[in-house]
Amino acid sequence: MQPLRLLHRDERLVAVDKPAGLLSVPDPSAGERAVPELLAEQGLMAASVHRLDREVSGVLLLALDDEALHALQELFRVREVEKIYWGMAAGLLEPRDGQLAFPILEEAGGARVSARGKPAHAGHPLVGERKYARGREVHPDLVLAARQEGELELARRTVALQRAI
């Protein structure tokens, strides 16, 4: 496997471009390496701040020390981190241009509705989706076509992070 692409690195955290198919946190029962283990092979000892599903590609934040890990996890816990999910949907949409937008809602009891499940329930599973596709899987090679490049915006939280850490 190629080295993971670093999108951002400073003395407290690193952001990597996690490819689809790779675990974001170690799972001893899976028998495969995860992002932190691959980073260790690149000389970086880091712990995942949050997780992305195996099937999902995107920006994964990892902390380089315990203080940063706990401070960043707290920001995720209190939902101070804005998450935006992009995906390519299968099928023909009407009208032919535009977008499907699905808010991720929190239901009674704290359960969250899956960002991957909502488009599938509308009849347009995400490219590369297996769990919710129900026989409408798009060939996995097309997942690469669905990848989106984006900017890592940390500036809004920099001051708070420096105080919290």
Protein backbone atom coordinates (compact mmCIF):
# COMPACT_ATOMS: atom_id res chain seq x y z
CA MET A 1 0.00 0.00 0.00
CA GLN A 2 1.19 3.52 -0.79
CA PRO A 3 1.92 5.89 2.09
CA LEU A 4 -1.08 7.81 3.35
CA ARG A 5 -1.35 11.35 1.98
CA LEU A 6 -0.99 13.98 4.69
CA LEU A 7 -3.32 16.94 4.20
CA HIS A 8 -2.19 18.83 7.31
CA ARG A 9 0.38 18.33 10.03
CA ASP A 10 1.41 20.42 12.97
CA GLU A 11 2.90 19.63 16.38
CA ARG A 12 -0.44 18.39 17.80
CA LEU A 13 -2.44 16.77 15.00
CA VAL A 14 -2.35 15.32 11.54
CA ALA A 15 -5.09 15.10 8.92
CA VAL A 16 -4.87 12.29 6.38
CA ASP A 17 -6.73 11.44 3.19
CA LYS A 18 -8.23 8.09 4.24
CA PRO A 19 -8.99 5.94 1.21
CA ALA A 20 -12.13 3.81 1.02
CA GLY A 21 -11.62 0.23 2.21
CA LEU A 22 -9.23 1.11 5.04
CA LEU A 23 -10.06 0.96 8.76
CA SER A 24 -9.78 4.29 10.55
CA VAL A 25 -9.25 2.72 13.99
CA PRO A 26 -7.47 -0.54 14.85
CA ASP A 27 -9.66 -3.63 15.19
CA PRO A 28 -7.70 -6.70 16.35
CA SER A 29 -10.48 -9.02 15.17
CA ALA A 30 -10.28 -7.66 11.59
CA GLY A 31 -6.76 -8.95 10.98
CA GLU A 32 -5.74 -5.90 8.95
CA ARG A 33 -3.91 -2.66 9.51
CA ALA A 34 -5.67 0.63 10.23
CA VAL A 35 -4.68 4.24 9.58
CA PRO A 36 -2.69 4.70 12.85
CA GLU A 37 -0.63 1.58 12.10
CA LEU A 38 0.11 2.75 8.56
CA LEU A 39 1.14 6.16 9.89
CA ALA A 40 3.47 4.45 12.38
CA GLU A 41 5.17 2.82 9.40
CA GLN A 42 5.63 6.37 8.04
CA GLY A 43 7.23 7.44 11.35
CA LEU A 44 4.18 9.12 12.92
CA MET A 45 2.71 7.85 16.18
CA ALA A 46 -0.90 9.08 16.14
CA ALA A 47 -4.32 8.12 17.49
CA SER A 48 -7.58 8.51 15.57
CA VAL A 49 -9.72 11.33 16.96
CA HIS A 50 -12.87 10.03 15.25
CA ARG A 51 -13.75 7.31 12.77
CA LEU A 52 -14.91 7.05 9.20
CA ASP A 53 -16.65 3.90 8.00
CA ARG A 54 -14.39 1.50 6.15
CA GLU A 55 -16.25 2.14 2.87
CA VAL A 56 -15.85 5.92 3.18
CA SER A 57 -12.96 8.01 1.96
CA GLY A 58 -12.28 11.40 3.48
CA VAL A 59 -10.37 13.52 5.95
CA LEU A 60 -9.44 11.67 9.14
CA LEU A 61 -7.99 13.62 12.08
CA LEU A 62 -5.40 11.99 14.32
CA ALA A 63 -3.80 13.39 17.46
CA LEU A 64 -0.07 13.28 18.07
CA ASP A 65 -0.36 13.43 21.88
CA ASP A 66 -2.87 12.52 24.60
CA GLU A 67 -3.87 16.10 25.41
CA ALA A 68 -4.70 16.83 21.78
CA LEU A 69 -6.58 13.53 21.50
CA HIS A 70 -8.84 14.29 24.47
CA ALA A 71 -9.42 17.94 23.49
CA LEU A 72 -10.31 17.04 19.90
CA GLN A 73 -12.52 14.13 20.94
CA GLU A 74 -14.38 16.51 23.24
CA LEU A 75 -15.03 18.85 20.29
CA PHE A 76 -16.53 15.90 18.38
CA ARG A 77 -18.52 14.80 21.44
CA VAL A 78 -20.17 18.19 21.91
CA ARG A 79 -20.64 18.48 18.13
CA GLU A 80 -18.44 21.53 17.69
CA VAL A 81 -16.95 19.99 14.54
CA GLU A 82 -18.88 20.60 11.33
CA LYS A 83 -18.91 17.51 9.13
CA ILE A 84 -19.81 17.66 5.46
CA TYR A 85 -20.31 14.44 3.50
CA TRP A 86 -20.07 14.35 -0.30
CA GLY A 87 -20.97 11.35 -2.41
CA MET A 88 -21.85 10.37 -5.94
CA ALA A 89 -25.32 8.83 -6.20
CA ALA A 90 -26.24 6.02 -8.59
CA GLY A 91 -29.18 6.27 -10.95
CA LEU A 92 -30.76 9.04 -12.98
CA LEU A 93 -31.92 12.06 -11.08
CA GLU A 94 -34.71 14.34 -12.21
CA PRO A 95 -33.92 17.03 -13.05
CA ARG A 96 -30.66 15.81 -14.57
CA ASP A 97 -28.58 18.41 -12.79
CA GLY A 98 -28.68 19.49 -9.21
CA GLN A 99 -28.08 17.77 -5.95
CA LEU A 100 -29.68 15.56 -3.35
CA ALA A 101 -29.28 17.01 0.11
CA PHE A 102 -30.09 15.03 3.24
CA PRO A 103 -29.68 16.45 6.72
CA ILE A 104 -28.31 13.95 9.22
CA LEU A 105 -30.84 14.03 12.01
CA GLU A 106 -30.63 12.87 15.56
CA GLU A 107 -33.63 10.77 16.49
CA ALA A 108 -35.16 10.25 19.92
CA GLY A 109 -32.72 8.43 22.16
CA GLY A 110 -29.68 9.91 20.41
CA ALA A 111 -29.58 7.55 17.41
CA ARG A 112 -28.24 9.21 14.28
CA VAL A 113 -29.54 8.51 10.80
CA SER A 114 -26.78 7.25 8.49
CA ALA A 115 -25.41 9.64 5.88
CA ARG A 116 -24.92 6.60 3.64
CA GLY A 117 -28.42 5.22 4.15
CA LYS A 118 -30.52 8.26 3.30
CA PRO A 119 -29.65 8.46 -0.44
CA ALA A 120 -30.21 4.70 -0.80
CA HIS A 121 -33.64 4.98 0.80
CA ALA A 122 -34.44 7.66 -1.80
CA GLY A 123 -33.54 5.15 -4.54
CA HIS A 124 -30.04 6.48 -5.26
CA PRO A 125 -27.37 4.58 -3.27
CA LEU A 126 -23.94 6.12 -3.11
CA VAL A 127 -21.29 4.85 -5.50
CA GLY A 128 -19.39 2.04 -3.77
CA GLU A 129 -22.09 1.57 -1.13
CA ARG A 130 -22.78 -2.04 -0.21
CA LYS A 131 -24.71 -2.01 3.04
CA TYR A 132 -27.66 0.09 1.88
CA ALA A 133 -27.53 -0.52 -1.90
CA ARG A 134 -29.91 -3.54 -1.87
CA GLY A 135 -28.69 -5.09 -5.10
CA ARG A 136 -28.01 -1.75 -6.81
CA GLU A 137 -24.28 -1.70 -6.09
CA VAL A 138 -22.16 0.37 -8.42
CA HIS A 139 -18.88 -1.25 -9.47
CA PRO A 140 -16.25 -0.57 -6.77
CA ASP A 141 -13.74 0.77 -9.32
CA LEU A 142 -16.06 3.74 -9.78
CA VAL A 143 -15.53 4.75 -6.16
CA LEU A 144 -12.36 6.54 -7.24
CA ALA A 145 -14.43 8.67 -9.60
CA ALA A 146 -16.57 9.78 -6.67
CA ARG A 147 -13.71 11.06 -4.53
CA GLN A 148 -13.86 14.72 -3.74
CA GLU A 149 -10.91 16.91 -2.93
CA GLY A 150 -11.57 19.49 -0.27
CA GLU A 151 -9.91 21.99 1.98
CA LEU A 152 -9.17 21.28 5.58
CA GLU A 153 -10.48 24.27 7.47
CA LEU A 154 -8.99 24.41 10.93
CA ALA A 155 -8.68 28.19 11.26
CA ARG A 156 -12.07 28.68 12.90
CA ARG A 157 -11.11 26.47 15.87
CA THR A 158 -7.38 27.23 16.10
CA VAL A 159 -7.62 29.61 19.07
CA ALA A 160 -9.96 27.33 21.02
CA LEU A 161 -7.81 24.30 20.27
CA GLN A 162 -4.69 26.07 21.47
CA ARG A 163 -6.43 27.04 24.70
CA ALA A 164 -7.98 23.59 25.17
CA ILE A 165 -4.76 21.73 24.50
